Amino acid sequence: MPPDIDVDVQAVGRLETAATQVASALAALESQIVSAGDVPSGAFGHLPFASDMLRAKYAEQVTGGVELFGAANAAFGRVADALADTAEAYEGTEQDLDAGFKTIQSGLPG
């Protein structure tokens, strides 16, 4: 006989909420990184080659940061979606089991 599985559906829901909040926080950080990438043209000085090199490296870092935070945001969004689906599936299973027990009980002589 397979072991009973006891799932705390509310805990799964709390994990979903936490993952959604992390995704939102990462999205906010991503937008701050985009804002940080908006610097005036003279922000790196006016030295031949050096200023252009610094500006290019800074832009590269900003682009990489935006990509990383975007990927993390998407990953936590997928985690939140999976947890929501899991909680919904467990709730449905519990409801089906309750309905089955009620059906069985209603058929038993009282």
N, C-alpha and C. Protein backbone atom coordinates (compact mmCIF):
# COMPACT_ATOMS: atom_id res chain seq x y z
N MET A 1 0.85 -1.17 0.00
CA MET A 1 0.00 0.00 0.00
C MET A 1 0.89 1.24 0.00
N PRO A 2 0.63 2.18 -0.90
CA PRO A 2 1.47 3.38 -0.96
C PRO A 2 1.28 4.24 0.29
N PRO A 3 2.33 4.96 0.68
CA PRO A 3 2.22 5.80 1.88
C PRO A 3 1.26 6.96 1.64
N ASP A 4 0.64 7.39 2.73
CA ASP A 4 -0.24 8.56 2.64
C ASP A 4 0.63 9.80 2.44
N ILE A 5 0.13 10.70 1.66
CA ILE A 5 0.82 11.96 1.44
C ILE A 5 -0.05 13.05 2.05
N ASP A 6 0.53 13.79 2.98
CA ASP A 6 -0.18 14.87 3.64
C ASP A 6 0.45 16.18 3.18
N VAL A 7 -0.31 16.97 2.46
CA VAL A 7 0.20 18.22 1.91
C VAL A 7 -0.50 19.39 2.59
N ASP A 8 0.29 20.35 3.02
CA ASP A 8 -0.25 21.58 3.60
C ASP A 8 -0.47 22.55 2.44
N VAL A 9 -1.69 22.56 1.92
CA VAL A 9 -2.01 23.37 0.74
C VAL A 9 -1.80 24.85 1.03
N GLN A 10 -2.09 25.28 2.26
CA GLN A 10 -1.89 26.69 2.61
C GLN A 10 -0.40 27.04 2.55
N ALA A 11 0.46 26.11 2.95
CA ALA A 11 1.90 26.36 2.88
C ALA A 11 2.36 26.49 1.43
N VAL A 12 1.80 25.67 0.56
CA VAL A 12 2.13 25.78 -0.86
C VAL A 12 1.66 27.14 -1.38
N GLY A 13 0.50 27.58 -0.94
CA GLY A 13 0.00 28.90 -1.32
C GLY A 13 0.89 30.02 -0.81
N ARG A 14 1.41 29.86 0.40
CA ARG A 14 2.33 30.88 0.94
C ARG A 14 3.63 30.90 0.14
N LEU A 15 4.10 29.74 -0.27
CA LEU A 15 5.29 29.70 -1.12
C LEU A 15 5.04 30.38 -2.46
N GLU A 16 3.85 30.17 -3.00
CA GLU A 16 3.49 30.85 -4.26
C GLU A 16 3.53 32.36 -4.07
N THR A 17 2.94 32.84 -2.98
CA THR A 17 2.94 34.28 -2.70
C THR A 17 4.36 34.80 -2.57
N ALA A 18 5.21 34.06 -1.86
CA ALA A 18 6.60 34.48 -1.68
C ALA A 18 7.33 34.53 -3.02
N ALA A 19 7.13 33.54 -3.86
CA ALA A 19 7.79 33.51 -5.17
C ALA A 19 7.30 34.67 -6.04
N THR A 20 6.02 34.99 -5.95
CA THR A 20 5.47 36.12 -6.70
C THR A 20 6.09 37.43 -6.21
N GLN A 21 6.25 37.56 -4.90
CA GLN A 21 6.86 38.77 -4.34
C GLN A 21 8.32 38.90 -4.76
N VAL A 22 9.04 37.79 -4.77
CA VAL A 22 10.44 37.83 -5.22
C VAL A 22 10.50 38.24 -6.69
N ALA A 23 9.61 37.69 -7.51
CA ALA A 23 9.58 38.05 -8.93
C ALA A 23 9.32 39.55 -9.09
N SER A 24 8.41 40.09 -8.30
CA SER A 24 8.11 41.52 -8.37
C SER A 24 9.31 42.36 -7.95
N ALA A 25 9.98 41.93 -6.89
CA ALA A 25 11.17 42.65 -6.42
C ALA A 25 12.27 42.62 -7.48
N LEU A 26 12.44 41.48 -8.12
CA LEU A 26 13.45 41.38 -9.18
C LEU A 26 13.10 42.26 -10.37
N ALA A 27 11.81 42.34 -10.68
CA ALA A 27 11.38 43.22 -11.78
C ALA A 27 11.69 44.67 -11.44
N ALA A 28 11.48 45.05 -10.18
CA ALA A 28 11.79 46.42 -9.76
C ALA A 28 13.29 46.69 -9.85
N LEU A 29 14.10 45.72 -9.44
CA LEU A 29 15.55 45.88 -9.56
C LEU A 29 15.98 45.96 -11.02
N GLU A 30 15.34 45.18 -11.85
CA GLU A 30 15.66 45.21 -13.28
C GLU A 30 15.41 46.61 -13.83
N SER A 31 14.30 47.22 -13.47
CA SER A 31 14.00 48.57 -13.98
C SER A 31 14.99 49.60 -13.41
N GLN A 32 15.47 49.38 -12.18
CA GLN A 32 16.47 50.29 -11.62
C GLN A 32 17.80 50.16 -12.36
N ILE A 33 18.13 48.95 -12.76
CA ILE A 33 19.36 48.75 -13.54
C ILE A 33 19.23 49.45 -14.89
N VAL A 34 18.07 49.36 -15.51
CA VAL A 34 17.85 50.05 -16.78
C VAL A 34 18.04 51.55 -16.58
N SER A 35 17.48 52.08 -15.49
CA SER A 35 17.63 53.51 -15.19
C SER A 35 19.09 53.87 -14.95
N ALA A 36 19.81 52.98 -14.28
CA ALA A 36 21.23 53.25 -14.01
C ALA A 36 22.04 53.28 -15.30
N GLY A 37 21.55 52.62 -16.32
CA GLY A 37 22.25 52.61 -17.60
C GLY A 37 22.07 53.88 -18.39
N ASP A 38 21.17 54.73 -17.96
CA ASP A 38 20.89 55.99 -18.66
C ASP A 38 21.78 57.08 -18.06
N VAL A 39 22.99 57.18 -18.56
CA VAL A 39 23.95 58.17 -18.05
C VAL A 39 24.24 59.20 -19.14
N PRO A 40 24.57 60.42 -18.73
CA PRO A 40 24.90 61.46 -19.72
C PRO A 40 26.13 61.06 -20.55
N SER A 41 26.23 61.59 -21.73
CA SER A 41 27.33 61.21 -22.62
C SER A 41 28.70 61.56 -22.06
N GLY A 42 28.79 62.59 -21.23
CA GLY A 42 30.08 62.96 -20.67
C GLY A 42 30.39 62.32 -19.33
N ALA A 43 29.58 61.36 -18.92
CA ALA A 43 29.75 60.75 -17.59
C ALA A 43 31.09 60.05 -17.43
N PHE A 44 31.70 59.62 -18.50
CA PHE A 44 32.97 58.91 -18.43
C PHE A 44 34.14 59.77 -18.90
N GLY A 45 33.91 61.06 -18.91
CA GLY A 45 34.98 61.99 -19.28
C GLY A 45 35.11 62.13 -20.78
N HIS A 46 36.18 62.79 -21.15
CA HIS A 46 36.41 63.08 -22.57
C HIS A 46 37.81 62.67 -23.00
N LEU A 47 38.28 61.57 -22.47
CA LEU A 47 39.60 61.08 -22.86
C LEU A 47 39.46 60.20 -24.11
N PRO A 48 40.27 60.46 -25.11
CA PRO A 48 40.19 59.65 -26.33
C PRO A 48 40.36 58.16 -25.99
N PHE A 49 39.56 57.37 -26.59
CA PHE A 49 39.54 55.91 -26.46
C PHE A 49 39.12 55.44 -25.06
N ALA A 50 39.69 56.00 -24.00
CA ALA A 50 39.40 55.54 -22.64
C ALA A 50 37.94 55.79 -22.28
N SER A 51 37.42 56.96 -22.59
CA SER A 51 36.03 57.28 -22.26
C SER A 51 35.07 56.36 -23.01
N ASP A 52 35.35 56.16 -24.29
CA ASP A 52 34.51 55.27 -25.08
C ASP A 52 34.58 53.84 -24.58
N MET A 53 35.76 53.40 -24.18
CA MET A 53 35.93 52.06 -23.66
C MET A 53 35.16 51.89 -22.35
N LEU A 54 35.26 52.86 -21.46
CA LEU A 54 34.53 52.80 -20.19
C LEU A 54 33.03 52.80 -20.42
N ARG A 55 32.57 53.66 -21.32
CA ARG A 55 31.14 53.73 -21.63
C ARG A 55 30.65 52.39 -22.19
N ALA A 56 31.43 51.79 -23.07
CA ALA A 56 31.05 50.50 -23.66
C ALA A 56 31.02 49.39 -22.60
N LYS A 57 32.01 49.37 -21.72
CA LYS A 57 32.04 48.34 -20.66
C LYS A 57 30.89 48.53 -19.69
N TYR A 58 30.59 49.78 -19.37
CA TYR A 58 29.46 50.06 -18.48
C TYR A 58 28.16 49.59 -19.12
N ALA A 59 27.97 49.93 -20.40
CA ALA A 59 26.76 49.50 -21.11
C ALA A 59 26.66 47.97 -21.15
N GLU A 60 27.80 47.32 -21.31
CA GLU A 60 27.84 45.84 -21.32
C GLU A 60 27.38 45.29 -19.97
N GLN A 61 27.85 45.89 -18.89
CA GLN A 61 27.45 45.45 -17.55
C GLN A 61 25.97 45.69 -17.30
N VAL A 62 25.48 46.83 -17.73
CA VAL A 62 24.06 47.14 -17.56
C VAL A 62 23.22 46.14 -18.34
N THR A 63 23.60 45.87 -19.58
CA THR A 63 22.86 44.91 -20.40
C THR A 63 22.88 43.52 -19.75
N GLY A 64 24.03 43.11 -19.25
CA GLY A 64 24.13 41.81 -18.58
C GLY A 64 23.27 41.76 -17.33
N GLY A 65 23.27 42.85 -16.57
CA GLY A 65 22.44 42.90 -15.35
C GLY A 65 20.96 42.82 -15.67
N VAL A 66 20.56 43.53 -16.70
CA VAL A 66 19.15 43.50 -17.11
C VAL A 66 18.77 42.08 -17.54
N GLU A 67 19.63 41.43 -18.29
CA GLU A 67 19.34 40.05 -18.73
C GLU A 67 19.25 39.10 -17.54
N LEU A 68 20.19 39.22 -16.60
CA LEU A 68 20.19 38.33 -15.43
C LEU A 68 18.96 38.55 -14.56
N PHE A 69 18.65 39.80 -14.27
CA PHE A 69 17.48 40.05 -13.43
C PHE A 69 16.19 39.69 -14.17
N GLY A 70 16.16 39.88 -15.47
CA GLY A 70 15.00 39.46 -16.25
C GLY A 70 14.81 37.95 -16.22
N ALA A 71 15.92 37.22 -16.33
CA ALA A 71 15.85 35.75 -16.28
C ALA A 71 15.42 35.28 -14.89
N ALA A 72 15.95 35.90 -13.85
CA ALA A 72 15.57 35.53 -12.49
C ALA A 72 14.10 35.83 -12.25
N ASN A 73 13.64 36.98 -12.72
CA ASN A 73 12.23 37.35 -12.60
C ASN A 73 11.35 36.30 -13.28
N ALA A 74 11.71 35.94 -14.49
CA ALA A 74 10.94 34.94 -15.24
C ALA A 74 10.95 33.58 -14.51
N ALA A 75 12.11 33.21 -13.97
CA ALA A 75 12.22 31.92 -13.27
C ALA A 75 11.31 31.89 -12.04
N PHE A 76 11.34 32.97 -11.24
CA PHE A 76 10.48 33.00 -10.06
C PHE A 76 9.01 33.09 -10.46
N GLY A 77 8.72 33.72 -11.58
CA GLY A 77 7.34 33.72 -12.09
C GLY A 77 6.88 32.32 -12.43
N ARG A 78 7.77 31.54 -13.06
CA ARG A 78 7.43 30.15 -13.40
C ARG A 78 7.25 29.31 -12.13
N VAL A 79 8.09 29.55 -11.13
CA VAL A 79 7.96 28.83 -9.86
C VAL A 79 6.61 29.15 -9.23
N ALA A 80 6.25 30.43 -9.21
CA ALA A 80 4.97 30.84 -8.63
C ALA A 80 3.81 30.19 -9.37
N ASP A 81 3.88 30.16 -10.70
CA ASP A 81 2.83 29.52 -11.50
C ASP A 81 2.74 28.02 -11.18
N ALA A 82 3.88 27.36 -11.08
CA ALA A 82 3.89 25.93 -10.78
C ALA A 82 3.32 25.66 -9.39
N LEU A 83 3.66 26.51 -8.43
CA LEU A 83 3.12 26.33 -7.08
C LEU A 83 1.61 26.56 -7.06
N ALA A 84 1.13 27.53 -7.83
CA ALA A 84 -0.31 27.78 -7.91
C ALA A 84 -1.01 26.56 -8.51
N ASP A 85 -0.44 26.00 -9.57
CA ASP A 85 -1.01 24.80 -10.19
C ASP A 85 -1.01 23.63 -9.21
N THR A 86 0.08 23.50 -8.45
CA THR A 86 0.19 22.42 -7.47
C THR A 86 -0.88 22.55 -6.39
N ALA A 87 -1.02 23.75 -5.85
CA ALA A 87 -2.03 23.98 -4.80
C ALA A 87 -3.42 23.70 -5.34
N GLU A 88 -3.68 24.15 -6.56
CA GLU A 88 -5.00 23.92 -7.16
C GLU A 88 -5.26 22.42 -7.36
N ALA A 89 -4.24 21.71 -7.80
CA ALA A 89 -4.40 20.26 -8.01
C ALA A 89 -4.67 19.54 -6.69
N TYR A 90 -3.93 19.90 -5.65
CA TYR A 90 -4.17 19.27 -4.35
C TYR A 90 -5.55 19.61 -3.80
N GLU A 91 -5.97 20.86 -3.97
CA GLU A 91 -7.31 21.24 -3.52
C GLU A 91 -8.37 20.44 -4.26
N GLY A 92 -8.19 20.29 -5.57
CA GLY A 92 -9.13 19.51 -6.36
C GLY A 92 -9.17 18.06 -5.92
N THR A 93 -8.00 17.50 -5.64
CA THR A 93 -7.94 16.11 -5.17
C THR A 93 -8.65 15.96 -3.84
N GLU A 94 -8.41 16.91 -2.92
CA GLU A 94 -9.08 16.86 -1.62
C GLU A 94 -10.59 16.95 -1.77
N GLN A 95 -11.05 17.81 -2.65
CA GLN A 95 -12.49 17.95 -2.88
C GLN A 95 -13.07 16.68 -3.48
N ASP A 96 -12.34 16.08 -4.41
CA ASP A 96 -12.80 14.83 -5.02
C ASP A 96 -12.87 13.71 -3.98
N LEU A 97 -11.86 13.64 -3.11
CA LEU A 97 -11.87 12.63 -2.05
C LEU A 97 -13.04 12.84 -1.10
N ASP A 98 -13.26 14.09 -0.70
CA ASP A 98 -14.38 14.39 0.19
C ASP A 98 -15.70 14.00 -0.46
N ALA A 99 -15.85 14.33 -1.74
CA ALA A 99 -17.09 13.98 -2.45
C ALA A 99 -17.25 12.46 -2.53
N GLY A 100 -16.14 11.75 -2.75
CA GLY A 100 -16.21 10.29 -2.81
C GLY A 100 -16.61 9.68 -1.47
N PHE A 101 -16.05 10.18 -0.39
CA PHE A 101 -16.42 9.68 0.94
C PHE A 101 -17.88 9.98 1.24
N LYS A 102 -18.36 11.15 0.86
CA LYS A 102 -19.76 11.51 1.10
C LYS A 102 -20.69 10.59 0.31
N THR A 103 -20.28 10.27 -0.92
CA THR A 103 -21.08 9.37 -1.75
C THR A 103 -21.13 7.98 -1.11
N ILE A 104 -19.98 7.53 -0.65
CA ILE A 104 -19.93 6.21 0.00
C ILE A 104 -20.81 6.21 1.26
N GLN A 105 -20.67 7.26 2.06
CA GLN A 105 -21.44 7.34 3.31
C GLN A 105 -22.94 7.42 3.04
N SER A 106 -23.32 8.11 2.00
CA SER A 106 -24.75 8.26 1.71
C SER A 106 -25.36 6.92 1.26
N GLY A 107 -24.53 6.03 0.73
CA GLY A 107 -25.02 4.74 0.28
C GLY A 107 -25.06 3.67 1.37
N LEU A 108 -24.45 3.98 2.52
CA LEU A 108 -24.44 3.01 3.61
C LEU A 108 -25.72 3.10 4.41
N PRO A 109 -26.22 1.95 4.84
CA PRO A 109 -27.44 2.00 5.65
C PRO A 109 -27.16 2.66 7.00
N GLY A 110 -28.06 3.53 7.40
CA GLY A 110 -27.85 4.33 8.59
C GLY A 110 -28.35 3.72 9.80
